[in-house]
């Protein structure tokens, strides 16, 4: 049947199933808890830490959250100044530079320069 489409099952609701029924409500929690103990341990190992106390994990999460809030606040300032709704790589680079932690190697992303060899 030409023109009828080729979909099978309930269309427009993803891969099928019941579209509107939610039996299990997602528990809202602080997203920084998504940074797991193994993640923190991996970063510490990369930094040369041999042993980690149990109380470190919550402290690291709090420090990470504070630092990200600081960076994102500056990114939003740059984005709003340019009257955009999307935070770009350049916004993040400028925010980090303003905070005294510049990252190098993204010149072609920000300025559109491409090196020809």
PDB file of N, CA and C in Angstrom:
ATOM      1  N   UNK A   1       0.827  -1.178   0.000  1.00  0.00           N
ATOM      2  CA  UNK A   1       0.000   0.000   0.000  1.00  0.00           C
ATOM      3  C   UNK A   1       0.874   1.245   0.000  1.00  0.00           C
ATOM      4  N   UNK A   2       1.050   1.845  -1.144  1.00  0.00           N
ATOM      5  CA  UNK A   2       1.896   3.028  -1.192  1.00  0.00           C
ATOM      6  C   UNK A   2       1.255   4.207  -0.471  1.00  0.00           C
ATOM      7  N   UNK A   3       2.115   4.984   0.197  1.00  0.00           N
ATOM      8  CA  UNK A   3       1.642   6.184   0.864  1.00  0.00           C
ATOM      9  C   UNK A   3       1.131   5.964   2.272  1.00  0.00           C
ATOM     10  N   UNK A   4       1.065   4.730   2.725  1.00  0.00           N
ATOM     11  CA  UNK A   4       0.546   4.449   4.055  1.00  0.00           C
ATOM     12  C   UNK A   4       1.632   4.449   5.130  1.00  0.00           C
ATOM     13  N   UNK A   5       2.889   4.472   4.734  1.00  0.00           N
ATOM     14  CA  UNK A   5       3.959   4.396   5.713  1.00  0.00           C
ATOM     15  C   UNK A   5       4.339   2.965   5.991  1.00  0.00           C
ATOM     16  N   UNK A   6       5.448   2.769   6.661  1.00  0.00           N
ATOM     17  CA  UNK A   6       5.930   1.424   6.876  1.00  0.00           C
ATOM     18  C   UNK A   6       6.083   1.091   8.357  1.00  0.00           C
ATOM     19  N   UNK A   7       5.458   1.859   9.232  1.00  0.00           N
ATOM     20  CA  UNK A   7       5.608   1.605  10.658  1.00  0.00           C
ATOM     21  C   UNK A   7       4.659   0.510  11.104  1.00  0.00           C
ATOM     22  N   UNK A   8       5.082  -0.207  12.106  1.00  0.00           N
ATOM     23  CA  UNK A   8       4.267  -1.264  12.685  1.00  0.00           C
ATOM     24  C   UNK A   8       4.111  -0.951  14.168  1.00  0.00           C
ATOM     25  N   UNK A   9       2.926  -1.105  14.687  1.00  0.00           N
ATOM     26  CA  UNK A   9       2.703  -0.865  16.106  1.00  0.00           C
ATOM     27  C   UNK A   9       2.357   0.588  16.373  1.00  0.00           C
ATOM     28  N   UNK A  10       2.345   0.955  17.666  1.00  0.00           N
ATOM     29  CA  UNK A  10       1.963   2.327  18.013  1.00  0.00           C
ATOM     30  C   UNK A  10       3.033   3.314  17.568  1.00  0.00           C
ATOM     31  N   UNK A  11       2.669   4.236  16.712  1.00  0.00           N
ATOM     32  CA  UNK A  11       3.639   5.182  16.180  1.00  0.00           C
ATOM     33  C   UNK A  11       3.781   6.407  17.058  1.00  0.00           C
ATOM     34  N   UNK A  12       4.955   7.010  17.035  1.00  0.00           N
ATOM     35  CA  UNK A  12       5.168   8.267  17.728  1.00  0.00           C
ATOM     36  C   UNK A  12       5.456   8.146  19.206  1.00  0.00           C
ATOM     37  N   UNK A  13       5.552   6.964  19.740  1.00  0.00           N
ATOM     38  CA  UNK A  13       5.804   6.797  21.172  1.00  0.00           C
ATOM     39  C   UNK A  13       7.102   6.038  21.425  1.00  0.00           C
ATOM     40  N   UNK A  14       8.086   6.245  20.608  1.00  0.00           N
ATOM     41  CA  UNK A  14       9.347   5.546  20.820  1.00  0.00           C
ATOM     42  C   UNK A  14       9.313   4.178  20.173  1.00  0.00           C
ATOM     43  N   UNK A  15       9.789   3.187  20.889  1.00  0.00           N
ATOM     44  CA  UNK A  15       9.885   1.841  20.328  1.00  0.00           C
ATOM     45  C   UNK A  15       8.680   0.981  20.671  1.00  0.00           C
ATOM     46  N   UNK A  16       7.566   1.585  20.996  1.00  0.00           N
ATOM     47  CA  UNK A  16       6.374   0.811  21.285  1.00  0.00           C
ATOM     48  C   UNK A  16       6.089   0.793  22.774  1.00  0.00           C
ATOM     49  N   UNK A  17       5.178  -0.045  23.168  1.00  0.00           N
ATOM     50  CA  UNK A  17       4.814  -0.107  24.572  1.00  0.00           C
ATOM     51  C   UNK A  17       3.738   0.910  24.894  1.00  0.00           C
ATOM     52  N   UNK A  18       3.432   1.025  26.141  1.00  0.00           N
ATOM     53  CA  UNK A  18       2.398   1.945  26.580  1.00  0.00           C
ATOM     54  C   UNK A  18       3.016   3.317  26.803  1.00  0.00           C
ATOM     55  N   UNK A  19       2.491   4.318  26.113  1.00  0.00           N
ATOM     56  CA  UNK A  19       3.097   5.642  26.110  1.00  0.00           C
ATOM     57  C   UNK A  19       2.969   6.413  27.397  1.00  0.00           C
ATOM     58  N   UNK A  20       1.807   6.408  28.057  1.00  0.00           N
ATOM     59  CA  UNK A  20       1.588   7.331  29.155  1.00  0.00           C
ATOM     60  C   UNK A  20       1.631   6.726  30.540  1.00  0.00           C
ATOM     61  N   UNK A  21       1.805   5.435  30.681  1.00  0.00           N
ATOM     62  CA  UNK A  21       1.744   4.808  31.997  1.00  0.00           C
ATOM     63  C   UNK A  21       3.142   4.736  32.603  1.00  0.00           C
ATOM     64  N   UNK A  22       3.264   5.261  33.826  1.00  0.00           N
ATOM     65  CA  UNK A  22       4.530   5.184  34.554  1.00  0.00           C
ATOM     66  C   UNK A  22       4.261   4.487  35.880  1.00  0.00           C
ATOM     67  N   UNK A  23       4.700   3.270  36.018  1.00  0.00           N
ATOM     68  CA  UNK A  23       4.466   2.548  37.257  1.00  0.00           C
ATOM     69  C   UNK A  23       5.479   2.909  38.321  1.00  0.00           C
ATOM     70  N   UNK A  24       6.695   3.207  37.908  1.00  0.00           N
ATOM     71  CA  UNK A  24       7.741   3.543  38.862  1.00  0.00           C
ATOM     72  C   UNK A  24       8.145   4.987  38.638  1.00  0.00           C
ATOM     73  N   UNK A  25       7.938   5.803  39.643  1.00  0.00           N
ATOM     74  CA  UNK A  25       8.314   7.210  39.542  1.00  0.00           C
ATOM     75  C   UNK A  25       9.807   7.331  39.815  1.00  0.00           C
ATOM     76  N   UNK A  26      10.486   8.101  38.981  1.00  0.00           N
ATOM     77  CA  UNK A  26      11.924   8.283  39.141  1.00  0.00           C
ATOM     78  C   UNK A  26      12.201   9.095  40.401  1.00  0.00           C
ATOM     79  N   UNK A  27      13.101   8.620  41.221  1.00  0.00           N
ATOM     80  CA  UNK A  27      13.455   9.311  42.455  1.00  0.00           C
ATOM     81  C   UNK A  27      14.413  10.436  42.114  1.00  0.00           C
ATOM     82  N   UNK A  28      14.027  11.656  42.476  1.00  0.00           N
ATOM     83  CA  UNK A  28      14.891  12.800  42.225  1.00  0.00           C
ATOM     84  C   UNK A  28      15.941  12.873  43.316  1.00  0.00           C
ATOM     85  N   UNK A  29      17.176  13.019  42.913  1.00  0.00           N
ATOM     86  CA  UNK A  29      18.264  13.162  43.867  1.00  0.00           C
ATOM     87  C   UNK A  29      19.255  14.153  43.295  1.00  0.00           C
ATOM     88  N   UNK A  30      20.208  14.510  44.115  1.00  0.00           N
ATOM     89  CA  UNK A  30      21.206  15.461  43.669  1.00  0.00           C
ATOM     90  C   UNK A  30      22.039  14.808  42.564  1.00  0.00           C
ATOM     91  N   UNK A  31      22.145  15.481  41.431  1.00  0.00           N
ATOM     92  CA  UNK A  31      22.839  14.895  40.283  1.00  0.00           C
ATOM     93  C   UNK A  31      24.310  14.648  40.547  1.00  0.00           C
ATOM     94  N   UNK A  32      24.885  15.353  41.507  1.00  0.00           N
ATOM     95  CA  UNK A  32      26.306  15.153  41.790  1.00  0.00           C
ATOM     96  C   UNK A  32      26.543  13.753  42.370  1.00  0.00           C
ATOM     97  N   UNK A  33      25.487  13.095  42.835  1.00  0.00           N
ATOM     98  CA  UNK A  33      25.628  11.719  43.304  1.00  0.00           C
ATOM     99  C   UNK A  33      25.891  10.766  42.134  1.00  0.00           C
ATOM    100  N   UNK A  34      25.702  11.257  40.920  1.00  0.00           N
ATOM    101  CA  UNK A  34      26.028  10.463  39.741  1.00  0.00           C
ATOM    102  C   UNK A  34      27.522  10.276  39.556  1.00  0.00           C
ATOM    103  N   UNK A  35      28.319  11.099  40.247  1.00  0.00           N
ATOM    104  CA  UNK A  35      29.770  10.908  40.256  1.00  0.00           C
ATOM    105  C   UNK A  35      30.032   9.844  41.314  1.00  0.00           C
ATOM    106  N   UNK A  36      30.293   8.638  40.869  1.00  0.00           N
ATOM    107  CA  UNK A  36      30.349   7.494  41.769  1.00  0.00           C
ATOM    108  C   UNK A  36      31.700   7.380  42.465  1.00  0.00           C
ATOM    109  N   UNK A  37      31.739   6.507  43.461  1.00  0.00           N
ATOM    110  CA  UNK A  37      32.993   6.264  44.178  1.00  0.00           C
ATOM    111  C   UNK A  37      34.104   5.797  43.238  1.00  0.00           C
ATOM    112  N   UNK A  38      33.826   4.872  42.331  1.00  0.00           N
ATOM    113  CA  UNK A  38      34.894   4.481  41.404  1.00  0.00           C
ATOM    114  C   UNK A  38      35.387   5.634  40.527  1.00  0.00           C
ATOM    115  N   UNK A  39      34.476   6.547  40.153  1.00  0.00           N
ATOM    116  CA  UNK A  39      34.895   7.712  39.363  1.00  0.00           C
ATOM    117  C   UNK A  39      35.887   8.560  40.151  1.00  0.00           C
ATOM    118  N   UNK A  40      35.546   8.825  41.411  1.00  0.00           N
ATOM    119  CA  UNK A  40      36.415   9.654  42.254  1.00  0.00           C
ATOM    120  C   UNK A  40      37.733   8.932  42.509  1.00  0.00           C
ATOM    121  N   UNK A  41      37.659   7.631  42.747  1.00  0.00           N
ATOM    122  CA  UNK A  41      38.879   6.849  42.988  1.00  0.00           C
ATOM    123  C   UNK A  41      39.786   6.870  41.760  1.00  0.00           C
ATOM    124  N   UNK A  42      39.186   6.777  40.564  1.00  0.00           N
ATOM    125  CA  UNK A  42      39.954   6.797  39.324  1.00  0.00           C
ATOM    126  C   UNK A  42      40.677   8.129  39.152  1.00  0.00           C
ATOM    127  N   UNK A  43      39.972   9.238  39.437  1.00  0.00           N
ATOM    128  CA  UNK A  43      40.610  10.553  39.345  1.00  0.00           C
ATOM    129  C   UNK A  43      41.735  10.694  40.362  1.00  0.00           C
ATOM    130  N   UNK A  44      41.504  10.178  41.566  1.00  0.00           N
ATOM    131  CA  UNK A  44      42.537  10.260  42.599  1.00  0.00           C
ATOM    132  C   UNK A  44      43.767   9.444  42.208  1.00  0.00           C
ATOM    133  N   UNK A  45      43.553   8.270  41.629  1.00  0.00           N
ATOM    134  CA  UNK A  45      44.681   7.445  41.184  1.00  0.00           C
ATOM    135  C   UNK A  45      45.478   8.178  40.109  1.00  0.00           C
ATOM    136  N   UNK A  46      44.773   8.846  39.207  1.00  0.00           N
ATOM    137  CA  UNK A  46      45.463   9.600  38.163  1.00  0.00           C
ATOM    138  C   UNK A  46      46.294  10.718  38.772  1.00  0.00           C
ATOM    139  N   UNK A  47      45.816  11.262  39.890  1.00  0.00           N
ATOM    140  CA  UNK A  47      46.556  12.315  40.580  1.00  0.00           C
ATOM    141  C   UNK A  47      47.651  11.788  41.492  1.00  0.00           C
ATOM    142  N   UNK A  48      47.802  10.476  41.588  1.00  0.00           N
ATOM    143  CA  UNK A  48      48.884   9.905  42.371  1.00  0.00           C
ATOM    144  C   UNK A  48      48.509   9.513  43.788  1.00  0.00           C
ATOM    145  N   UNK A  49      47.215   9.458  44.106  1.00  0.00           N
ATOM    146  CA  UNK A  49      46.767   9.104  45.456  1.00  0.00           C
ATOM    147  C   UNK A  49      46.759   7.590  45.581  1.00  0.00           C
ATOM    148  N   UNK A  50      47.323   7.095  46.700  1.00  0.00           N
ATOM    149  CA  UNK A  50      47.435   5.662  46.892  1.00  0.00           C
ATOM    150  C   UNK A  50      46.260   5.092  47.681  1.00  0.00           C
ATOM    151  N   UNK A  51      45.848   5.826  48.722  1.00  0.00           N
ATOM    152  CA  UNK A  51      44.770   5.359  49.591  1.00  0.00           C
ATOM    153  C   UNK A  51      43.774   6.470  49.835  1.00  0.00           C
ATOM    154  N   UNK A  52      42.484   6.134  49.939  1.00  0.00           N
ATOM    155  CA  UNK A  52      41.441   7.148  50.043  1.00  0.00           C
ATOM    156  C   UNK A  52      40.563   6.847  51.249  1.00  0.00           C
ATOM    157  N   UNK A  53      40.348   7.858  52.089  1.00  0.00           N
ATOM    158  CA  UNK A  53      39.458   7.741  53.240  1.00  0.00           C
ATOM    159  C   UNK A  53      38.007   7.736  52.773  1.00  0.00           C
ATOM    160  N   UNK A  54      37.137   7.140  53.555  1.00  0.00           N
ATOM    161  CA  UNK A  54      35.727   7.047  53.191  1.00  0.00           C
ATOM    162  C   UNK A  54      35.011   8.384  53.167  1.00  0.00           C
ATOM    163  N   UNK A  55      35.476   9.341  53.985  1.00  0.00           N
ATOM    164  CA  UNK A  55      34.798  10.641  54.046  1.00  0.00           C
ATOM    165  C   UNK A  55      35.154  11.543  52.865  1.00  0.00           C
ATOM    166  N   UNK A  56      36.134  11.154  52.097  1.00  0.00           N
ATOM    167  CA  UNK A  56      36.603  11.996  50.993  1.00  0.00           C
ATOM    168  C   UNK A  56      35.541  12.140  49.909  1.00  0.00           C
ATOM    169  N   UNK A  57      34.771  11.092  49.674  1.00  0.00           N
ATOM    170  CA  UNK A  57      33.878  11.072  48.518  1.00  0.00           C
ATOM    171  C   UNK A  57      32.852  12.206  48.551  1.00  0.00           C
ATOM    172  N   UNK A  58      32.201  12.413  49.704  1.00  0.00           N
ATOM    173  CA  UNK A  58      31.222  13.502  49.794  1.00  0.00           C
ATOM    174  C   UNK A  58      31.893  14.862  49.701  1.00  0.00           C
ATOM    175  N   UNK A  59      33.105  14.984  50.251  1.00  0.00           N
ATOM    176  CA  UNK A  59      33.832  16.256  50.158  1.00  0.00           C
ATOM    177  C   UNK A  59      34.201  16.572  48.705  1.00  0.00           C
ATOM    178  N   UNK A  60      34.630  15.555  47.981  1.00  0.00           N
ATOM    179  CA  UNK A  60      34.988  15.756  46.574  1.00  0.00           C
ATOM    180  C   UNK A  60      33.751  16.143  45.771  1.00  0.00           C
ATOM    181  N   UNK A  61      32.625  15.486  46.053  1.00  0.00           N
ATOM    182  CA  UNK A  61      31.387  15.836  45.344  1.00  0.00           C
ATOM    183  C   UNK A  61      30.980  17.277  45.625  1.00  0.00           C
ATOM    184  N   UNK A  62      31.107  17.715  46.879  1.00  0.00           N
ATOM    185  CA  UNK A  62      30.752  19.099  47.226  1.00  0.00           C
ATOM    186  C   UNK A  62      31.679  20.089  46.520  1.00  0.00           C
ATOM    187  N   UNK A  63      32.981  19.780  46.496  1.00  0.00           N
ATOM    188  CA  UNK A  63      33.938  20.664  45.827  1.00  0.00           C
ATOM    189  C   UNK A  63      33.672  20.710  44.323  1.00  0.00           C
ATOM    190  N   UNK A  64      33.374  19.563  43.742  1.00  0.00           N
ATOM    191  CA  UNK A  64      33.074  19.490  42.310  1.00  0.00           C
ATOM    192  C   UNK A  64      31.831  20.303  41.971  1.00  0.00           C
ATOM    193  N   UNK A  65      30.797  20.172  42.799  1.00  0.00           N
ATOM    194  CA  UNK A  65      29.555  20.904  42.552  1.00  0.00           C
ATOM    195  C   UNK A  65      29.788  22.410  42.633  1.00  0.00           C
ATOM    196  N   UNK A  66      30.532  22.848  43.641  1.00  0.00           N
ATOM    197  CA  UNK A  66      30.826  24.276  43.777  1.00  0.00           C
ATOM    198  C   UNK A  66      31.610  24.817  42.597  1.00  0.00           C
ATOM    199  N   UNK A  67      32.608  24.064  42.158  1.00  0.00           N
ATOM    200  CA  UNK A  67      33.433  24.512  41.035  1.00  0.00           C
ATOM    201  C   UNK A  67      32.625  24.567  39.734  1.00  0.00           C
ATOM    202  N   UNK A  68      31.792  23.551  39.501  1.00  0.00           N
ATOM    203  CA  UNK A  68      30.970  23.547  38.295  1.00  0.00           C
ATOM    204  C   UNK A  68      29.955  24.686  38.300  1.00  0.00           C
ATOM    205  N   UNK A  69      29.378  24.982  39.463  1.00  0.00           N
ATOM    206  CA  UNK A  69      28.439  26.108  39.551  1.00  0.00           C
ATOM    207  C   UNK A  69      29.132  27.410  39.189  1.00  0.00           C
ATOM    208  N   UNK A  70      30.373  27.564  39.651  1.00  0.00           N
ATOM    209  CA  UNK A  70      31.147  28.770  39.358  1.00  0.00           C
ATOM    210  C   UNK A  70      31.423  28.892  37.851  1.00  0.00           C
ATOM    211  N   UNK A  71      31.841  27.797  37.241  1.00  0.00           N
ATOM    212  CA  UNK A  71      32.152  27.807  35.808  1.00  0.00           C
ATOM    213  C   UNK A  71      30.885  28.037  34.983  1.00  0.00           C
ATOM    214  N   UNK A  72      29.813  27.341  35.332  1.00  0.00           N
ATOM    215  CA  UNK A  72      28.577  27.458  34.560  1.00  0.00           C
ATOM    216  C   UNK A  72      27.972  28.848  34.702  1.00  0.00           C
ATOM    217  N   UNK A  73      28.101  29.454  35.880  1.00  0.00           N
ATOM    218  CA  UNK A  73      27.602  30.824  36.065  1.00  0.00           C
ATOM    219  C   UNK A  73      28.275  31.769  35.074  1.00  0.00           C
ATOM    220  N   UNK A  74      29.601  31.652  34.940  1.00  0.00           N
ATOM    221  CA  UNK A  74      30.325  32.498  33.990  1.00  0.00           C
ATOM    222  C   UNK A  74      29.950  32.163  32.542  1.00  0.00           C
ATOM    223  N   UNK A  75      29.763  30.881  32.248  1.00  0.00           N
ATOM    224  CA  UNK A  75      29.364  30.484  30.891  1.00  0.00           C
ATOM    225  C   UNK A  75      28.024  31.105  30.519  1.00  0.00           C
ATOM    226  N   UNK A  76      27.092  31.108  31.452  1.00  0.00           N
ATOM    227  CA  UNK A  76      25.772  31.677  31.186  1.00  0.00           C
ATOM    228  C   UNK A  76      25.871  33.182  30.977  1.00  0.00           C
ATOM    229  N   UNK A  77      26.754  33.846  31.708  1.00  0.00           N
ATOM    230  CA  UNK A  77      26.952  35.287  31.520  1.00  0.00           C
ATOM    231  C   UNK A  77      27.428  35.567  30.098  1.00  0.00           C
ATOM    232  N   UNK A  78      28.416  34.803  29.626  1.00  0.00           N
ATOM    233  CA  UNK A  78      28.909  34.985  28.255  1.00  0.00           C
ATOM    234  C   UNK A  78      27.814  34.685  27.231  1.00  0.00           C
ATOM    235  N   UNK A  79      27.044  33.636  27.476  1.00  0.00           N
ATOM    236  CA  UNK A  79      25.991  33.251  26.536  1.00  0.00           C
ATOM    237  C   UNK A  79      24.901  34.319  26.459  1.00  0.00           C
ATOM    238  N   UNK A  80      24.478  34.832  27.605  1.00  0.00           N
ATOM    239  CA  UNK A  80      23.437  35.861  27.616  1.00  0.00           C
ATOM    240  C   UNK A  80      23.934  37.158  26.989  1.00  0.00           C
ATOM    241  N   UNK A  81      25.199  37.483  27.184  1.00  0.00           N
ATOM    242  CA  UNK A  81      25.746  38.699  26.595  1.00  0.00           C
ATOM    243  C   UNK A  81      25.670  38.647  25.074  1.00  0.00           C
ATOM    244  N   UNK A  82      25.923  37.475  24.517  1.00  0.00           N
ATOM    245  CA  UNK A  82      25.877  37.307  23.063  1.00  0.00           C
ATOM    246  C   UNK A  82      24.455  37.053  22.552  1.00  0.00           C
ATOM    247  N   UNK A  83      23.484  37.089  23.469  1.00  0.00           N
ATOM    248  CA  UNK A  83      22.071  36.879  23.145  1.00  0.00           C
ATOM    249  C   UNK A  83      21.852  35.535  22.453  1.00  0.00           C
ATOM    250  N   UNK A  84      22.454  34.496  23.026  1.00  0.00           N
ATOM    251  CA  UNK A  84      22.283  33.136  22.526  1.00  0.00           C
ATOM    252  C   UNK A  84      21.601  32.303  23.595  1.00  0.00           C
ATOM    253  N   UNK A  85      21.128  31.134  23.195  1.00  0.00           N
ATOM    254  CA  UNK A  85      20.531  30.205  24.146  1.00  0.00           C
ATOM    255  C   UNK A  85      21.382  28.955  24.328  1.00  0.00           C
ATOM    256  N   UNK A  86      22.431  28.837  23.531  1.00  0.00           N
ATOM    257  CA  UNK A  86      23.290  27.657  23.574  1.00  0.00           C
ATOM    258  C   UNK A  86      24.665  28.042  24.089  1.00  0.00           C
ATOM    259  N   UNK A  87      25.137  27.311  25.094  1.00  0.00           N
ATOM    260  CA  UNK A  87      26.489  27.522  25.610  1.00  0.00           C
ATOM    261  C   UNK A  87      27.458  26.836  24.655  1.00  0.00           C
ATOM    262  N   UNK A  88      28.459  27.579  24.190  1.00  0.00           N
ATOM    263  CA  UNK A  88      29.420  27.031  23.234  1.00  0.00           C
ATOM    264  C   UNK A  88      30.734  26.700  23.930  1.00  0.00           C
ATOM    265  N   UNK A  89      31.603  26.032  23.191  1.00  0.00           N
ATOM    266  CA  UNK A  89      32.935  25.712  23.698  1.00  0.00           C
ATOM    267  C   UNK A  89      33.677  27.000  24.034  1.00  0.00           C
ATOM    268  N   UNK A  90      33.505  28.009  23.203  1.00  0.00           N
ATOM    269  CA  UNK A  90      34.160  29.294  23.447  1.00  0.00           C
ATOM    270  C   UNK A  90      33.736  29.915  24.763  1.00  0.00           C
ATOM    271  N   UNK A  91      32.455  29.787  25.113  1.00  0.00           N
ATOM    272  CA  UNK A  91      31.978  30.314  26.394  1.00  0.00           C
ATOM    273  C   UNK A  91      32.688  29.629  27.557  1.00  0.00           C
ATOM    274  N   UNK A  92      32.825  28.318  27.459  1.00  0.00           N
ATOM    275  CA  UNK A  92      33.496  27.563  28.522  1.00  0.00           C
ATOM    276  C   UNK A  92      34.965  27.963  28.605  1.00  0.00           C
ATOM    277  N   UNK A  93      35.621  28.099  27.454  1.00  0.00           N
ATOM    278  CA  UNK A  93      37.038  28.476  27.443  1.00  0.00           C
ATOM    279  C   UNK A  93      37.245  29.864  28.031  1.00  0.00           C
ATOM    280  N   UNK A  94      36.365  30.807  27.690  1.00  0.00           N
ATOM    281  CA  UNK A  94      36.491  32.158  28.236  1.00  0.00           C
ATOM    282  C   UNK A  94      36.218  32.171  29.738  1.00  0.00           C
ATOM    283  N   UNK A  95      35.247  31.378  30.184  1.00  0.00           N
ATOM    284  CA  UNK A  95      34.941  31.308  31.613  1.00  0.00           C
ATOM    285  C   UNK A  95      36.128  30.741  32.386  1.00  0.00           C
ATOM    286  N   UNK A  96      36.738  29.674  31.858  1.00  0.00           N
ATOM    287  CA  UNK A  96      37.894  29.082  32.535  1.00  0.00           C
ATOM    288  C   UNK A  96      39.079  30.036  32.535  1.00  0.00           C
ATOM    289  N   UNK A  97      39.250  30.764  31.441  1.00  0.00           N
ATOM    290  CA  UNK A  97      40.346  31.733  31.371  1.00  0.00           C
ATOM    291  C   UNK A  97      40.139  32.841  32.401  1.00  0.00           C
ATOM    292  N   UNK A  98      38.891  33.306  32.552  1.00  0.00           N
ATOM    293  CA  UNK A  98      38.593  34.350  33.522  1.00  0.00           C
ATOM    294  C   UNK A  98      38.838  33.873  34.951  1.00  0.00           C
ATOM    295  N   UNK A  99      38.603  32.588  35.195  1.00  0.00           N
ATOM    296  CA  UNK A  99      38.812  32.029  36.528  1.00  0.00           C
ATOM    297  C   UNK A  99      40.268  31.649  36.779  1.00  0.00           C
ATOM    298  N   UNK A 100      41.126  31.894  35.806  1.00  0.00           N
ATOM    299  CA  UNK A 100      42.548  31.625  35.991  1.00  0.00           C
ATOM    300  C   UNK A 100      42.970  30.203  35.699  1.00  0.00           C
ATOM    301  N   UNK A 101      42.146  29.425  35.012  1.00  0.00           N
ATOM    302  CA  UNK A 101      42.480  28.043  34.651  1.00  0.00           C
ATOM    303  C   UNK A 101      42.263  27.824  33.156  1.00  0.00           C
ATOM    304  N   UNK A 102      43.063  28.487  32.312  1.00  0.00           N
ATOM    305  CA  UNK A 102      42.821  28.355  30.872  1.00  0.00           C
ATOM    306  C   UNK A 102      43.144  26.954  30.362  1.00  0.00           C
ATOM    307  N   UNK A 103      42.452  26.570  29.306  1.00  0.00           N
ATOM    308  CA  UNK A 103      42.710  25.304  28.622  1.00  0.00           C
ATOM    309  C   UNK A 103      43.162  25.652  27.216  1.00  0.00           C
ATOM    310  N   UNK A 104      44.250  25.048  26.788  1.00  0.00           N
ATOM    311  CA  UNK A 104      44.801  25.335  25.473  1.00  0.00           C
ATOM    312  C   UNK A 104      44.463  24.210  24.506  1.00  0.00           C
ATOM    313  N   UNK A 105      44.501  24.522  23.205  1.00  0.00           N
ATOM    314  CA  UNK A 105      44.308  23.503  22.188  1.00  0.00           C
ATOM    315  C   UNK A 105      42.961  23.541  21.505  1.00  0.00           C
ATOM    316  N   UNK A 106      42.135  24.546  21.806  1.00  0.00           N
ATOM    317  CA  UNK A 106      40.817  24.638  21.189  1.00  0.00           C
ATOM    318  C   UNK A 106      40.708  25.850  20.278  1.00  0.00           C
ATOM    319  N   UNK A 107      41.821  26.371  19.777  1.00  0.00           N
ATOM    320  CA  UNK A 107      41.800  27.586  18.969  1.00  0.00           C
ATOM    321  C   UNK A 107      40.954  27.427  17.709  1.00  0.00           C
ATOM    322  N   UNK A 108      41.076  26.274  17.030  1.00  0.00           N
ATOM    323  CA  UNK A 108      40.322  26.106  15.790  1.00  0.00           C
ATOM    324  C   UNK A 108      38.827  25.983  16.061  1.00  0.00           C
ATOM    325  N   UNK A 109      38.442  25.517  17.245  1.00  0.00           N
ATOM    326  CA  UNK A 109      37.023  25.424  17.581  1.00  0.00           C
ATOM    327  C   UNK A 109      36.449  26.813  17.821  1.00  0.00           C
ATOM    328  N   UNK A 110      37.197  27.663  18.527  1.00  0.00           N
ATOM    329  CA  UNK A 110      36.706  28.986  18.897  1.00  0.00           C
ATOM    330  C   UNK A 110      36.794  29.954  17.735  1.00  0.00           C
ATOM    331  N   UNK A 111      37.942  30.005  17.076  1.00  0.00           N
ATOM    332  CA  UNK A 111      38.182  31.020  16.059  1.00  0.00           C
ATOM    333  C   UNK A 111      37.939  30.533  14.636  1.00  0.00           C
ATOM    334  N   UNK A 112      37.729  29.234  14.457  1.00  0.00           N
ATOM    335  CA  UNK A 112      37.493  28.711  13.116  1.00  0.00           C
ATOM    336  C   UNK A 112      38.760  28.547  12.305  1.00  0.00           C
ATOM    337  N   UNK A 113      39.928  28.632  12.936  1.00  0.00           N
ATOM    338  CA  UNK A 113      41.197  28.467  12.223  1.00  0.00           C
ATOM    339  C   UNK A 113      41.456  26.981  12.011  1.00  0.00           C
ATOM    340  N   UNK A 114      41.880  26.629  10.825  1.00  0.00           N
ATOM    341  CA  UNK A 114      42.293  25.257  10.559  1.00  0.00           C
ATOM    342  C   UNK A 114      43.701  25.291   9.999  1.00  0.00           C
ATOM    343  N   UNK A 115      44.554  24.456  10.569  1.00  0.00           N
ATOM    344  CA  UNK A 115      45.941  24.400  10.098  1.00  0.00           C
ATOM    345  C   UNK A 115      46.014  23.490   8.883  1.00  0.00           C
ATOM    346  N   UNK A 116      46.658  23.959   7.838  1.00  0.00           N
ATOM    347  CA  UNK A 116      46.842  23.154   6.634  1.00  0.00           C
ATOM    348  C   UNK A 116      48.307  22.753   6.555  1.00  0.00           C
ATOM    349  N   UNK A 117      48.530  21.447   6.491  1.00  0.00           N
ATOM    350  CA  UNK A 117      49.909  20.960   6.409  1.00  0.00           C
ATOM    351  C   UNK A 117      50.189  20.359   5.064  1.00  0.00           C
TER     352      UNK A 117
END
